[in-house]
């Protein structure tokens, strides 16, 4: 595997250890999905993507809930008085 970094191509072996750790974690997760789907790579991939999309939607929902709470906090507190802006 390789990745484009700037103008040069870097082999996967040249990437930092953090990337290698993520790669290893991804490989473990991929094998878990494959195992859960009895070796059916397509089913495992679809399930992994479906789970990732569900997690993304949940994270977006949590982010939106936090934004609403922050907005309500500003509304409840009201605008600062002119003397409080300093």
Protein backbone atom coordinates (compact mmCIF):
# COMPACT_ATOMS: atom_id res chain seq x y z
CA UNK A 1 0.00 0.00 0.00
CA UNK A 2 1.10 3.56 -0.55
CA UNK A 3 -0.07 7.06 0.22
CA UNK A 4 0.56 10.33 -1.53
CA UNK A 5 2.32 12.78 0.75
CA UNK A 6 2.98 16.15 -0.77
CA UNK A 7 4.59 15.53 -4.14
CA UNK A 8 6.17 12.19 -3.37
CA UNK A 9 4.69 8.76 -2.89
CA UNK A 10 5.43 7.11 0.43
CA UNK A 11 5.28 3.38 0.93
CA UNK A 12 3.14 2.15 3.80
CA UNK A 13 6.31 1.01 5.55
CA UNK A 14 7.48 4.64 5.70
CA UNK A 15 4.38 5.92 7.51
CA UNK A 16 4.53 6.68 11.25
CA UNK A 17 3.79 4.01 13.84
CA UNK A 18 0.43 5.63 14.64
CA UNK A 19 -0.77 4.85 11.13
CA UNK A 20 0.48 1.30 11.53
CA UNK A 21 -1.47 1.00 14.79
CA UNK A 22 -4.64 2.21 13.05
CA UNK A 23 -4.01 -0.21 10.20
CA UNK A 24 -3.62 -3.07 12.67
CA UNK A 25 -6.80 -2.06 14.50
CA UNK A 26 -8.70 -1.85 11.21
CA UNK A 27 -7.44 -5.32 10.27
CA UNK A 28 -8.70 -6.74 13.58
CA UNK A 29 -12.10 -5.10 13.09
CA UNK A 30 -12.29 -6.33 9.49
CA UNK A 31 -11.51 -9.88 10.59
CA UNK A 32 -14.18 -9.67 13.30
CA UNK A 33 -16.80 -8.63 10.73
CA UNK A 34 -15.62 -11.33 8.32
CA UNK A 35 -15.81 -13.93 11.07
CA UNK A 36 -19.28 -12.76 12.12
CA UNK A 37 -20.42 -13.17 8.52
CA UNK A 38 -18.83 -16.61 8.12
CA UNK A 39 -16.19 -15.49 5.63
CA UNK A 40 -18.60 -13.63 3.34
CA UNK A 41 -16.45 -10.60 2.51
CA UNK A 42 -19.25 -8.69 0.80
CA UNK A 43 -21.68 -9.14 3.69
CA UNK A 44 -18.95 -8.18 6.17
CA UNK A 45 -18.12 -5.02 4.22
CA UNK A 46 -21.77 -4.00 3.94
CA UNK A 47 -22.30 -4.60 7.67
CA UNK A 48 -19.19 -2.59 8.58
CA UNK A 49 -20.30 0.31 6.39
CA UNK A 50 -23.85 0.18 7.77
CA UNK A 51 -22.49 0.25 11.33
CA UNK A 52 -20.16 3.14 10.48
CA UNK A 53 -23.03 5.12 8.94
CA UNK A 54 -25.20 4.46 12.00
CA UNK A 55 -22.42 5.65 14.30
CA UNK A 56 -21.91 8.74 12.14
CA UNK A 57 -25.62 9.56 12.28
CA UNK A 58 -25.63 9.08 16.06
CA UNK A 59 -22.58 11.33 16.45
CA UNK A 60 -24.20 14.00 14.29
CA UNK A 61 -27.34 13.76 16.43
CA UNK A 62 -25.30 14.20 19.61
CA UNK A 63 -23.47 17.17 18.09
CA UNK A 64 -26.75 18.80 17.10
CA UNK A 65 -28.17 18.22 20.61
CA UNK A 66 -25.13 19.94 22.13
CA UNK A 67 -25.52 22.86 19.71
CA UNK A 68 -29.16 23.26 20.73
CA UNK A 69 -28.20 23.22 24.41
CA UNK A 70 -25.55 25.87 23.83
CA UNK A 71 -28.01 28.02 21.89
CA UNK A 72 -30.61 27.73 24.64
CA UNK A 73 -27.96 28.71 27.18
CA UNK A 74 -27.25 31.92 25.29
CA UNK A 75 -30.95 32.69 24.96
CA UNK A 76 -31.66 32.03 28.64
CA UNK A 77 -28.74 34.12 29.82
CA UNK A 78 -29.66 36.95 27.48
CA UNK A 79 -27.33 39.33 25.78
CA UNK A 80 -24.68 40.83 28.02
CA UNK A 81 -25.24 44.40 29.16
CA UNK A 82 -23.06 46.98 27.39
CA UNK A 83 -20.84 47.34 30.47
CA UNK A 84 -20.28 43.55 30.69
CA UNK A 85 -18.61 43.27 27.30
CA UNK A 86 -15.22 44.43 28.59
